[in-house]
Structures are given as C-alpha cells and as structure tokens.
N, C-alpha and C. Protein backbone atom coordinates (compact mmCIF):
# COMPACT_ATOMS: atom_id res chain seq x y z
N MET A 1 31.93 -35.38 51.80
CA MET A 1 32.32 -34.02 52.11
C MET A 1 32.72 -33.34 50.81
N THR A 2 32.28 -32.11 50.65
CA THR A 2 32.64 -31.31 49.48
C THR A 2 33.51 -30.15 49.93
N VAL A 3 34.60 -29.91 49.21
CA VAL A 3 35.48 -28.80 49.57
C VAL A 3 35.53 -27.79 48.43
N VAL A 4 35.69 -26.54 48.80
CA VAL A 4 35.93 -25.46 47.85
C VAL A 4 37.37 -25.03 48.06
N TYR A 5 38.15 -25.01 46.98
CA TYR A 5 39.56 -24.68 47.15
C TYR A 5 40.05 -23.71 46.08
N ALA A 6 41.14 -23.03 46.40
CA ALA A 6 41.75 -22.08 45.46
C ALA A 6 42.41 -22.88 44.34
N THR A 7 41.99 -22.65 43.11
CA THR A 7 42.45 -23.44 41.97
C THR A 7 43.97 -23.37 41.81
N ASP A 8 44.56 -22.18 41.94
CA ASP A 8 45.99 -22.03 41.67
C ASP A 8 46.90 -22.57 42.76
N THR A 9 46.40 -22.62 44.00
CA THR A 9 47.28 -23.03 45.11
C THR A 9 46.82 -24.31 45.79
N GLY A 10 45.55 -24.69 45.65
CA GLY A 10 45.04 -25.90 46.28
C GLY A 10 44.49 -25.71 47.68
N HIS A 11 44.63 -24.53 48.29
CA HIS A 11 44.16 -24.31 49.66
C HIS A 11 42.66 -24.48 49.78
N VAL A 12 42.24 -25.24 50.79
CA VAL A 12 40.82 -25.39 51.08
C VAL A 12 40.33 -24.11 51.76
N LEU A 13 39.21 -23.56 51.25
CA LEU A 13 38.64 -22.35 51.82
C LEU A 13 37.25 -22.57 52.40
N GLY A 14 36.59 -23.64 51.99
CA GLY A 14 35.26 -23.92 52.48
C GLY A 14 34.98 -25.40 52.44
N VAL A 15 34.08 -25.84 53.33
CA VAL A 15 33.74 -27.26 53.44
C VAL A 15 32.22 -27.38 53.57
N GLN A 16 31.65 -28.30 52.84
CA GLN A 16 30.23 -28.63 52.99
C GLN A 16 30.15 -30.11 53.34
N VAL A 17 29.48 -30.40 54.45
CA VAL A 17 29.31 -31.78 54.87
C VAL A 17 27.87 -32.18 54.59
N ALA A 18 27.68 -33.22 53.79
CA ALA A 18 26.34 -33.67 53.42
C ALA A 18 25.72 -34.46 54.57
N THR A 19 24.43 -34.23 54.80
CA THR A 19 23.73 -34.97 55.85
C THR A 19 22.80 -36.02 55.27
N GLY A 20 22.58 -35.98 53.98
CA GLY A 20 21.71 -36.94 53.32
C GLY A 20 22.48 -37.76 52.32
N PRO A 21 21.77 -38.44 51.44
CA PRO A 21 22.45 -39.24 50.42
C PRO A 21 23.23 -38.35 49.45
N ALA A 22 24.34 -38.89 48.97
CA ALA A 22 25.19 -38.15 48.03
C ALA A 22 24.42 -37.87 46.74
N THR A 23 24.54 -36.65 46.25
CA THR A 23 23.84 -36.25 45.03
C THR A 23 24.80 -35.75 43.97
N GLY A 24 26.08 -35.99 44.12
CA GLY A 24 27.07 -35.50 43.16
C GLY A 24 27.69 -34.21 43.66
N THR A 25 28.75 -33.80 43.00
CA THR A 25 29.47 -32.59 43.38
C THR A 25 28.86 -31.40 42.67
N PRO A 26 28.43 -30.37 43.42
CA PRO A 26 27.84 -29.19 42.78
C PRO A 26 28.90 -28.37 42.06
N SER A 27 28.46 -27.48 41.19
CA SER A 27 29.40 -26.58 40.54
C SER A 27 29.82 -25.51 41.55
N THR A 28 30.90 -24.83 41.23
CA THR A 28 31.39 -23.78 42.12
C THR A 28 30.34 -22.69 42.31
N VAL A 29 29.73 -22.23 41.22
CA VAL A 29 28.74 -21.16 41.30
C VAL A 29 27.50 -21.62 42.07
N ASP A 30 27.09 -22.88 41.88
CA ASP A 30 25.94 -23.40 42.63
C ASP A 30 26.22 -23.40 44.13
N LEU A 31 27.45 -23.65 44.49
CA LEU A 31 27.79 -23.75 45.91
C LEU A 31 28.08 -22.41 46.57
N VAL A 32 28.79 -21.51 45.87
CA VAL A 32 29.21 -20.26 46.52
C VAL A 32 28.63 -19.00 45.88
N GLY A 33 27.93 -19.13 44.76
CA GLY A 33 27.45 -17.93 44.08
C GLY A 33 28.60 -17.24 43.38
N SER A 34 28.64 -15.91 43.42
CA SER A 34 29.70 -15.18 42.72
C SER A 34 31.02 -15.15 43.49
N ALA A 35 30.96 -15.42 44.81
CA ALA A 35 32.18 -15.42 45.62
C ALA A 35 31.97 -16.21 46.90
N LEU A 36 33.03 -16.78 47.40
CA LEU A 36 33.04 -17.40 48.72
C LEU A 36 33.63 -16.37 49.67
N VAL A 37 32.94 -16.09 50.74
CA VAL A 37 33.47 -15.12 51.69
C VAL A 37 34.28 -15.88 52.72
N ALA A 38 35.60 -15.72 52.64
CA ALA A 38 36.51 -16.34 53.60
C ALA A 38 36.50 -15.48 54.86
N THR A 39 35.97 -16.04 55.93
CA THR A 39 35.91 -15.33 57.20
C THR A 39 36.89 -15.99 58.14
N LEU A 40 37.97 -15.29 58.41
CA LEU A 40 39.07 -15.87 59.18
C LEU A 40 39.51 -14.90 60.27
N TRP A 41 40.09 -15.46 61.31
CA TRP A 41 40.63 -14.63 62.39
C TRP A 41 42.05 -14.23 62.01
N PRO A 42 42.37 -12.95 62.05
CA PRO A 42 43.72 -12.52 61.66
C PRO A 42 44.77 -12.93 62.68
N THR A 43 45.97 -13.17 62.19
CA THR A 43 47.11 -13.44 63.07
C THR A 43 48.25 -12.53 62.65
N PRO A 44 48.86 -11.80 63.54
CA PRO A 44 48.41 -11.60 64.92
C PRO A 44 47.23 -10.64 64.95
N ALA A 45 46.47 -10.67 66.04
CA ALA A 45 45.34 -9.76 66.18
C ALA A 45 45.87 -8.33 66.26
N PRO A 46 45.29 -7.42 65.49
CA PRO A 46 45.79 -6.04 65.52
C PRO A 46 45.54 -5.39 66.88
N THR A 47 46.48 -4.62 67.34
CA THR A 47 46.35 -3.93 68.61
C THR A 47 45.17 -2.97 68.58
N GLY A 48 44.29 -3.07 69.56
CA GLY A 48 43.15 -2.16 69.64
C GLY A 48 42.03 -2.46 68.67
N ALA A 49 42.17 -3.53 67.89
CA ALA A 49 41.14 -3.87 66.91
C ALA A 49 39.99 -4.59 67.60
N PRO A 50 38.79 -4.49 67.07
CA PRO A 50 37.68 -5.23 67.65
C PRO A 50 37.93 -6.73 67.55
N ASP A 51 37.40 -7.46 68.52
CA ASP A 51 37.59 -8.91 68.56
C ASP A 51 36.61 -9.56 67.59
N GLU A 52 36.92 -9.47 66.31
CA GLU A 52 36.03 -10.03 65.29
C GLU A 52 36.85 -10.48 64.09
N PRO A 53 36.30 -11.42 63.32
CA PRO A 53 37.05 -11.91 62.15
C PRO A 53 37.02 -10.90 61.01
N ILE A 54 37.89 -11.14 60.05
CA ILE A 54 37.94 -10.33 58.83
C ILE A 54 37.33 -11.17 57.70
N ALA A 55 36.47 -10.56 56.90
CA ALA A 55 35.84 -11.25 55.78
C ALA A 55 36.45 -10.76 54.47
N ILE A 56 36.89 -11.71 53.65
CA ILE A 56 37.46 -11.38 52.35
C ILE A 56 36.77 -12.23 51.29
N PRO A 57 36.04 -11.61 50.36
CA PRO A 57 35.40 -12.39 49.30
C PRO A 57 36.42 -12.92 48.28
N VAL A 58 36.32 -14.21 47.99
CA VAL A 58 37.19 -14.83 46.98
C VAL A 58 36.32 -15.13 45.77
N PRO A 59 36.56 -14.48 44.62
CA PRO A 59 35.71 -14.66 43.44
C PRO A 59 35.61 -16.12 43.01
N ALA A 60 34.40 -16.53 42.59
CA ALA A 60 34.15 -17.92 42.20
C ALA A 60 35.07 -18.39 41.08
N GLU A 61 35.49 -17.48 40.19
CA GLU A 61 36.34 -17.91 39.08
C GLU A 61 37.74 -18.34 39.53
N LEU A 62 38.10 -18.06 40.79
CA LEU A 62 39.39 -18.48 41.33
C LEU A 62 39.29 -19.78 42.13
N LEU A 63 38.08 -20.37 42.14
CA LEU A 63 37.81 -21.52 43.01
C LEU A 63 37.41 -22.75 42.21
N THR A 64 37.60 -23.91 42.82
CA THR A 64 37.17 -25.19 42.27
C THR A 64 36.52 -25.98 43.39
N VAL A 65 35.56 -26.83 43.03
CA VAL A 65 34.87 -27.68 44.00
C VAL A 65 35.26 -29.13 43.73
N ALA A 66 35.44 -29.91 44.81
CA ALA A 66 35.78 -31.33 44.66
C ALA A 66 35.19 -32.13 45.81
N ALA A 67 34.96 -33.40 45.56
CA ALA A 67 34.56 -34.33 46.61
C ALA A 67 35.82 -34.79 47.32
N ALA A 68 35.77 -34.82 48.66
CA ALA A 68 36.93 -35.24 49.45
C ALA A 68 36.51 -36.24 50.50
N LYS A 69 37.45 -37.07 50.91
CA LYS A 69 37.18 -38.02 51.99
C LYS A 69 36.97 -37.24 53.28
N ASP A 70 36.05 -37.71 54.11
CA ASP A 70 35.75 -37.03 55.37
C ASP A 70 37.01 -36.88 56.22
N LEU A 71 37.22 -35.68 56.69
CA LEU A 71 38.36 -35.37 57.55
C LEU A 71 37.92 -34.27 58.51
N PRO A 72 37.46 -34.63 59.71
CA PRO A 72 36.89 -33.64 60.63
C PRO A 72 37.81 -32.46 60.93
N ASP A 73 39.13 -32.66 60.98
CA ASP A 73 40.05 -31.57 61.33
C ASP A 73 40.02 -30.43 60.34
N VAL A 74 39.62 -30.71 59.08
CA VAL A 74 39.60 -29.65 58.08
C VAL A 74 38.56 -28.59 58.43
N LEU A 75 37.55 -28.96 59.21
CA LEU A 75 36.53 -27.99 59.62
C LEU A 75 37.11 -26.96 60.59
N LEU A 76 38.13 -27.34 61.34
CA LEU A 76 38.74 -26.44 62.33
C LEU A 76 39.70 -25.43 61.71
N ASN A 77 40.41 -25.83 60.67
CA ASN A 77 41.40 -24.96 60.06
C ASN A 77 41.53 -25.30 58.57
N PRO A 78 40.52 -24.88 57.77
CA PRO A 78 40.51 -25.31 56.36
C PRO A 78 41.77 -24.97 55.59
N THR A 79 42.33 -23.77 55.77
CA THR A 79 43.46 -23.36 54.92
C THR A 79 44.76 -24.07 55.27
N ALA A 80 44.75 -24.88 56.32
CA ALA A 80 45.93 -25.70 56.61
C ALA A 80 46.00 -26.91 55.68
N TYR A 81 44.89 -27.19 54.98
CA TYR A 81 44.80 -28.35 54.10
C TYR A 81 44.76 -27.92 52.64
N HIS A 82 45.17 -28.84 51.78
CA HIS A 82 45.12 -28.54 50.36
C HIS A 82 44.75 -29.78 49.55
N VAL A 83 44.30 -29.50 48.34
CA VAL A 83 44.02 -30.54 47.37
C VAL A 83 45.31 -30.75 46.58
N PRO A 84 45.89 -31.96 46.64
CA PRO A 84 47.14 -32.19 45.90
C PRO A 84 46.95 -31.98 44.40
N PRO A 85 48.00 -31.52 43.72
CA PRO A 85 47.90 -31.32 42.27
C PRO A 85 47.55 -32.63 41.57
N ASP A 86 46.77 -32.53 40.53
CA ASP A 86 46.38 -33.68 39.70
C ASP A 86 45.58 -34.73 40.44
N ALA A 87 44.98 -34.37 41.58
CA ALA A 87 44.14 -35.31 42.32
C ALA A 87 42.85 -35.55 41.54
N THR A 88 42.38 -36.78 41.57
CA THR A 88 41.14 -37.13 40.88
C THR A 88 40.26 -37.96 41.79
N GLY A 89 39.00 -38.10 41.42
CA GLY A 89 38.08 -38.91 42.21
C GLY A 89 37.79 -38.25 43.55
N THR A 90 37.52 -39.05 44.57
CA THR A 90 37.32 -38.53 45.92
C THR A 90 38.69 -38.30 46.52
N ILE A 91 38.98 -37.07 46.84
CA ILE A 91 40.34 -36.62 47.17
C ILE A 91 40.70 -36.86 48.62
N ASP A 92 41.96 -37.26 48.85
CA ASP A 92 42.54 -37.28 50.18
C ASP A 92 43.21 -35.92 50.37
N LEU A 93 42.68 -35.12 51.29
CA LEU A 93 43.29 -33.82 51.55
C LEU A 93 44.63 -34.01 52.25
N ALA A 94 45.55 -33.09 52.00
CA ALA A 94 46.88 -33.16 52.61
C ALA A 94 47.11 -31.93 53.47
N LEU A 95 47.91 -32.10 54.52
CA LEU A 95 48.22 -31.03 55.46
C LEU A 95 49.55 -30.39 55.07
N TRP A 96 49.58 -29.04 55.12
CA TRP A 96 50.81 -28.32 54.82
C TRP A 96 51.46 -27.81 56.11
N PRO A 97 52.77 -27.50 56.07
CA PRO A 97 53.40 -26.85 57.23
C PRO A 97 52.72 -25.52 57.52
N THR A 98 52.79 -25.09 58.75
CA THR A 98 52.14 -23.86 59.19
C THR A 98 52.93 -22.63 58.76
N ALA A 99 52.21 -21.67 58.16
CA ALA A 99 52.80 -20.37 57.83
C ALA A 99 52.63 -19.45 59.03
N VAL A 100 53.65 -18.70 59.35
CA VAL A 100 53.62 -17.76 60.47
C VAL A 100 53.97 -16.38 59.93
N ALA A 101 53.10 -15.41 60.22
CA ALA A 101 53.35 -14.04 59.75
C ALA A 101 54.41 -13.38 60.62
N VAL A 102 55.32 -12.69 59.96
CA VAL A 102 56.32 -11.89 60.68
C VAL A 102 56.36 -10.51 60.04
N ASP A 103 56.73 -9.52 60.84
CA ASP A 103 56.84 -8.16 60.32
C ASP A 103 58.07 -7.99 59.45
N SER A 104 59.13 -8.76 59.77
CA SER A 104 60.37 -8.62 59.02
C SER A 104 61.17 -9.91 59.13
N LEU A 105 61.67 -10.38 58.00
CA LEU A 105 62.56 -11.54 57.98
C LEU A 105 63.99 -11.07 57.99
N PRO A 106 64.88 -11.87 58.57
CA PRO A 106 66.30 -11.54 58.44
C PRO A 106 66.72 -11.71 56.99
N ASP A 107 67.93 -11.27 56.68
CA ASP A 107 68.47 -11.46 55.34
C ASP A 107 68.35 -12.93 54.98
N LEU A 108 67.66 -13.24 53.87
CA LEU A 108 67.42 -14.63 53.51
C LEU A 108 68.70 -15.40 53.24
N THR A 109 69.76 -14.73 52.82
CA THR A 109 71.01 -15.44 52.55
C THR A 109 71.66 -15.89 53.84
N ALA A 110 71.28 -15.25 54.97
CA ALA A 110 71.86 -15.62 56.26
C ALA A 110 70.93 -16.50 57.08
N ALA A 111 69.76 -16.82 56.53
CA ALA A 111 68.78 -17.61 57.28
C ALA A 111 69.28 -19.04 57.45
N PRO A 112 68.87 -19.71 58.55
CA PRO A 112 69.26 -21.10 58.72
C PRO A 112 68.65 -21.95 57.61
N ALA A 113 69.20 -23.14 57.42
CA ALA A 113 68.69 -24.04 56.38
C ALA A 113 67.18 -24.16 56.50
N GLY A 114 66.51 -23.97 55.40
CA GLY A 114 65.05 -24.06 55.40
C GLY A 114 64.38 -22.75 55.66
N GLY A 115 65.06 -21.79 56.30
CA GLY A 115 64.47 -20.50 56.57
C GLY A 115 63.28 -20.57 57.50
N SER A 116 63.16 -21.66 58.24
CA SER A 116 62.03 -21.85 59.12
C SER A 116 62.50 -21.75 60.56
N ASP A 117 61.54 -21.62 61.47
CA ASP A 117 61.93 -21.64 62.86
C ASP A 117 62.13 -23.09 63.28
N PRO A 118 62.71 -23.33 64.48
CA PRO A 118 63.02 -24.70 64.89
C PRO A 118 61.80 -25.60 64.97
N GLY A 119 60.60 -25.04 65.13
CA GLY A 119 59.39 -25.86 65.22
C GLY A 119 58.88 -26.32 63.87
N GLY A 120 59.52 -25.89 62.78
CA GLY A 120 59.11 -26.32 61.45
C GLY A 120 58.15 -25.37 60.78
N ASP A 121 57.72 -24.30 61.46
CA ASP A 121 56.84 -23.32 60.83
C ASP A 121 57.61 -22.52 59.80
N VAL A 122 56.92 -22.10 58.76
CA VAL A 122 57.56 -21.30 57.70
C VAL A 122 57.17 -19.84 57.90
N GLN A 123 58.15 -18.98 58.01
CA GLN A 123 57.90 -17.56 58.23
C GLN A 123 57.63 -16.85 56.91
N ILE A 124 56.57 -16.04 56.91
CA ILE A 124 56.21 -15.26 55.73
C ILE A 124 56.15 -13.79 56.15
N GLU A 125 56.96 -12.97 55.51
CA GLU A 125 56.94 -11.53 55.76
C GLU A 125 55.88 -10.91 54.86
N VAL A 126 54.94 -10.19 55.47
CA VAL A 126 53.88 -9.50 54.73
C VAL A 126 53.95 -8.03 55.09
N LYS A 127 54.25 -7.19 54.10
CA LYS A 127 54.32 -5.74 54.33
C LYS A 127 53.31 -5.05 53.43
N LEU A 128 52.62 -4.07 54.00
CA LEU A 128 51.62 -3.32 53.25
C LEU A 128 51.82 -1.84 53.51
N SER A 129 51.94 -1.09 52.42
CA SER A 129 51.99 0.36 52.54
C SER A 129 50.85 0.90 51.68
N SER A 130 50.74 2.22 51.62
CA SER A 130 49.65 2.80 50.84
C SER A 130 49.80 2.51 49.34
N LYS A 131 51.01 2.15 48.89
CA LYS A 131 51.22 1.97 47.46
C LYS A 131 51.79 0.61 47.07
N GLU A 132 52.07 -0.28 48.05
CA GLU A 132 52.70 -1.54 47.70
C GLU A 132 52.41 -2.63 48.72
N LEU A 133 52.27 -3.86 48.21
CA LEU A 133 52.21 -5.06 49.03
C LEU A 133 53.43 -5.88 48.68
N SER A 134 54.17 -6.33 49.70
CA SER A 134 55.33 -7.18 49.41
C SER A 134 55.30 -8.42 50.30
N LEU A 135 55.82 -9.51 49.74
CA LEU A 135 55.89 -10.79 50.42
C LEU A 135 57.31 -11.31 50.34
N ARG A 136 57.77 -11.98 51.40
CA ARG A 136 59.02 -12.73 51.37
C ARG A 136 58.78 -14.01 52.15
N SER A 137 59.32 -15.10 51.65
CA SER A 137 59.16 -16.39 52.31
C SER A 137 60.49 -16.86 52.86
N GLY A 138 60.42 -17.42 54.06
CA GLY A 138 61.62 -18.01 54.66
C GLY A 138 61.71 -19.49 54.41
N GLY A 139 60.80 -20.04 53.60
CA GLY A 139 60.77 -21.49 53.36
C GLY A 139 61.83 -21.95 52.38
N GLU A 140 62.03 -23.26 52.34
CA GLU A 140 63.03 -23.85 51.43
C GLU A 140 62.66 -23.64 49.98
N ASP A 141 61.37 -23.79 49.64
CA ASP A 141 60.93 -23.67 48.26
C ASP A 141 60.86 -22.19 47.90
N LYS A 142 61.78 -21.75 47.08
CA LYS A 142 61.86 -20.34 46.76
C LYS A 142 60.95 -19.96 45.59
N THR A 143 60.27 -20.92 44.98
CA THR A 143 59.30 -20.64 43.94
C THR A 143 57.98 -21.25 44.35
N ALA A 144 56.91 -20.46 44.37
CA ALA A 144 55.61 -20.95 44.80
C ALA A 144 54.52 -20.17 44.09
N ASN A 145 53.43 -20.85 43.74
CA ASN A 145 52.25 -20.15 43.24
C ASN A 145 51.57 -19.47 44.41
N PHE A 146 50.95 -18.33 44.16
CA PHE A 146 50.28 -17.64 45.25
C PHE A 146 49.02 -16.96 44.77
N LEU A 147 48.15 -16.68 45.74
CA LEU A 147 46.95 -15.88 45.55
C LEU A 147 46.87 -14.99 46.78
N VAL A 148 46.78 -13.67 46.56
CA VAL A 148 46.70 -12.72 47.66
C VAL A 148 45.47 -11.84 47.44
N LEU A 149 44.66 -11.69 48.48
CA LEU A 149 43.48 -10.81 48.42
C LEU A 149 43.50 -9.87 49.61
N LEU A 150 43.03 -8.64 49.38
CA LEU A 150 42.92 -7.64 50.44
C LEU A 150 41.46 -7.45 50.81
N SER A 151 41.18 -7.19 52.07
CA SER A 151 39.81 -6.92 52.50
C SER A 151 39.34 -5.59 51.92
N GLY A 152 38.04 -5.43 51.88
CA GLY A 152 37.47 -4.17 51.42
C GLY A 152 37.42 -4.01 49.92
N GLY A 153 37.83 -5.03 49.16
CA GLY A 153 37.77 -4.95 47.70
C GLY A 153 38.63 -3.84 47.13
N VAL A 154 39.73 -3.50 47.82
CA VAL A 154 40.55 -2.36 47.39
C VAL A 154 41.52 -2.72 46.27
N SER A 155 41.64 -4.00 45.97
CA SER A 155 42.57 -4.42 44.92
C SER A 155 42.01 -5.67 44.26
N ALA A 156 42.31 -5.84 42.98
CA ALA A 156 41.97 -7.10 42.33
C ALA A 156 42.83 -8.20 42.95
N PRO A 157 42.40 -9.46 42.87
CA PRO A 157 43.24 -10.55 43.40
C PRO A 157 44.62 -10.51 42.74
N LEU A 158 45.63 -10.76 43.53
CA LEU A 158 47.01 -10.80 43.05
C LEU A 158 47.40 -12.26 42.92
N THR A 159 47.81 -12.69 41.73
CA THR A 159 48.19 -14.08 41.52
C THR A 159 49.50 -14.13 40.76
N GLY A 160 50.16 -15.26 40.86
CA GLY A 160 51.40 -15.43 40.12
C GLY A 160 52.30 -16.43 40.80
N ALA A 161 53.58 -16.32 40.54
CA ALA A 161 54.58 -17.20 41.13
C ALA A 161 55.57 -16.36 41.91
N LEU A 162 55.77 -16.75 43.15
CA LEU A 162 56.77 -16.11 44.00
C LEU A 162 58.11 -16.69 43.58
N LYS A 163 59.01 -15.87 43.10
CA LYS A 163 60.30 -16.36 42.63
C LYS A 163 61.40 -15.85 43.55
N ALA A 164 62.35 -16.73 43.82
CA ALA A 164 63.47 -16.41 44.70
C ALA A 164 62.99 -15.93 46.06
N GLY A 165 61.80 -16.41 46.47
CA GLY A 165 61.31 -16.13 47.81
C GLY A 165 60.71 -14.76 48.03
N ALA A 166 60.52 -13.95 46.98
CA ALA A 166 60.01 -12.59 47.21
C ALA A 166 59.18 -12.11 46.02
N ALA A 167 58.24 -11.21 46.32
CA ALA A 167 57.44 -10.56 45.29
C ALA A 167 56.92 -9.24 45.84
N ALA A 168 56.73 -8.26 44.96
CA ALA A 168 56.17 -6.96 45.35
C ALA A 168 55.18 -6.53 44.28
N PHE A 169 54.09 -5.88 44.73
CA PHE A 169 53.02 -5.49 43.83
C PHE A 169 52.65 -4.04 44.07
N PRO A 170 52.64 -3.21 43.01
CA PRO A 170 52.14 -1.85 43.18
C PRO A 170 50.63 -1.88 43.37
N LEU A 171 50.11 -0.98 44.18
CA LEU A 171 48.68 -0.89 44.46
C LEU A 171 48.19 0.51 44.14
N THR A 172 46.91 0.61 43.81
CA THR A 172 46.28 1.92 43.76
C THR A 172 46.34 2.44 45.19
N GLU A 173 46.63 3.71 45.37
CA GLU A 173 46.89 4.21 46.72
C GLU A 173 45.77 3.86 47.69
N LEU A 174 46.16 3.21 48.80
CA LEU A 174 45.21 2.79 49.83
C LEU A 174 44.99 3.92 50.83
N SER A 175 43.77 4.01 51.33
CA SER A 175 43.48 4.96 52.40
C SER A 175 44.08 4.45 53.70
N LYS A 176 44.24 5.35 54.66
CA LYS A 176 44.71 4.94 55.98
C LYS A 176 43.69 4.00 56.59
N GLY A 177 44.19 3.01 57.34
CA GLY A 177 43.29 2.08 58.01
C GLY A 177 43.90 0.71 58.15
N THR A 178 43.10 -0.23 58.69
CA THR A 178 43.54 -1.60 58.89
C THR A 178 42.94 -2.47 57.79
N TYR A 179 43.78 -3.30 57.18
CA TYR A 179 43.37 -4.17 56.09
C TYR A 179 43.68 -5.62 56.44
N GLY A 180 42.80 -6.51 56.03
CA GLY A 180 43.09 -7.94 56.10
C GLY A 180 43.79 -8.34 54.82
N VAL A 181 44.80 -9.18 54.94
CA VAL A 181 45.54 -9.69 53.79
C VAL A 181 45.51 -11.21 53.85
N LEU A 182 44.85 -11.83 52.88
CA LEU A 182 44.79 -13.29 52.80
C LEU A 182 45.88 -13.74 51.85
N VAL A 183 46.81 -14.55 52.37
CA VAL A 183 47.94 -15.04 51.57
C VAL A 183 47.82 -16.56 51.45
N LEU A 184 47.67 -17.02 50.22
CA LEU A 184 47.66 -18.46 49.94
C LEU A 184 48.86 -18.74 49.06
N MET A 185 49.80 -19.53 49.57
CA MET A 185 51.04 -19.81 48.86
C MET A 185 51.30 -21.31 48.90
N THR A 186 51.56 -21.91 47.74
CA THR A 186 51.79 -23.35 47.73
C THR A 186 52.94 -23.72 48.65
N GLY A 187 52.75 -24.81 49.37
CA GLY A 187 53.80 -25.31 50.26
C GLY A 187 53.59 -24.99 51.72
N VAL A 188 52.69 -24.03 52.03
CA VAL A 188 52.43 -23.68 53.43
C VAL A 188 50.94 -23.40 53.63
N SER A 189 50.50 -23.45 54.87
CA SER A 189 49.10 -23.17 55.17
C SER A 189 48.74 -21.75 54.79
N GLY A 190 47.45 -21.52 54.61
CA GLY A 190 46.98 -20.17 54.32
C GLY A 190 47.22 -19.26 55.51
N LEU A 191 47.28 -17.98 55.24
CA LEU A 191 47.61 -17.00 56.27
C LEU A 191 46.74 -15.78 56.09
N LEU A 192 46.11 -15.34 57.17
CA LEU A 192 45.37 -14.08 57.15
C LEU A 192 45.98 -13.19 58.20
N VAL A 193 46.47 -12.04 57.76
CA VAL A 193 47.08 -11.09 58.68
C VAL A 193 46.38 -9.75 58.53
N SER A 194 46.48 -8.95 59.55
CA SER A 194 46.00 -7.58 59.44
C SER A 194 47.21 -6.67 59.41
N ARG A 195 47.14 -5.67 58.55
CA ARG A 195 48.23 -4.71 58.40
C ARG A 195 47.65 -3.31 58.41
N GLN A 196 48.35 -2.41 59.05
CA GLN A 196 47.94 -1.03 59.19
C GLN A 196 48.61 -0.18 58.14
N VAL A 197 47.82 0.64 57.46
CA VAL A 197 48.38 1.63 56.53
C VAL A 197 48.19 2.98 57.20
N SER A 198 49.31 3.70 57.38
CA SER A 198 49.22 5.01 58.07
C SER A 198 49.62 6.15 57.16
C-alpha cells in the first residue's frame, strides 16, 4: 500500500493499493501530479447545502509518498491516520484522536483537563470571516504543526505552529458564500468543515 501524506503534519490524504507485484514507491508528482484533490465530506454538513463533498486541492510540494503496511481501515477515513515522525522503511500507520469541529470553545483556562469532551475527542474551534481565519484547540498539546487550506483556491496554504492553542490569519477579503476549510493539526485527526461568510 502506498500513502500520500502531508509532510508537515503526517496526515494521510490518499491511498493507493497495488494489485500487482510491487514496483517501488512512486514520486509524489508521479502519483498525484501538481496536486492531490482531497475530496471529503464536511462536518457538520452546512444547512441547506447540497449533499455533496467538498474538494480542496493540496499542492504536491506539501506532500510526501511512502510505502505503508496494509491497513484496510485507512481507506475509510484516511485523515484519521498519520505517518509517525522519523518513520522509515514500510511504515506502520498510527491512529490519532478524533478532532471535532465546534463553533465556539469555552474559555480555555476554564476547560476541563485535556480540553476534550468525555469521549476523548478533541474540540477544534474554526472561525472564518471575510478577512480572517482563526483556530483554537481544546487539546492538551498547546503547540502543534498545522496545515490549513480553503476551498476555491481563495488563499495560499496556511502553515506553521499553533502556539498556546490558538492562531489567527489575515486573509484577502473573501466573497460571501460557503467555504470548505481543511484543518490538519498534529495530534488529532484531520478535519474538514464548511463555514459561511456573510
């Protein structure tokens, strides 16, 4: 099995299962071209939105390809899995805790230990306005690498380190409408949410 994953965060975004004899691991560009189109169902589904997935192209320069041990579950939810840092050879993929999108987190200083809900899910606040995207994490790890992409090619990929559980990014003014936001943050599963800009 060959996986395509986000280099900075380790999230698996694509899987290729070989049906013939192994021929080696292809290069990223050979496998995905200039970009891998991540087609995911948004959570939560936007009210009144068509029942269809959101497609967000992830540029090839942000991706890496690796050989991984067969794991059928990764086909069902690729972004729940990641390539561990410094993994070599044929990789054992690892499962991360589930990220859950919320419209608003309580004051992080008052959050229960871990900032997660009782089921162990990690809450991620994703806010989008016409001029700013902001993230806050309710997880224990207050520093995490991240990659954020918006649908429609309206912004360059946003990358960096989430420090103290929060980050905000100025954007070129967005038009009114519904946008998909793909959030890949180390320590939790990938998250695709839809946000309305009014």
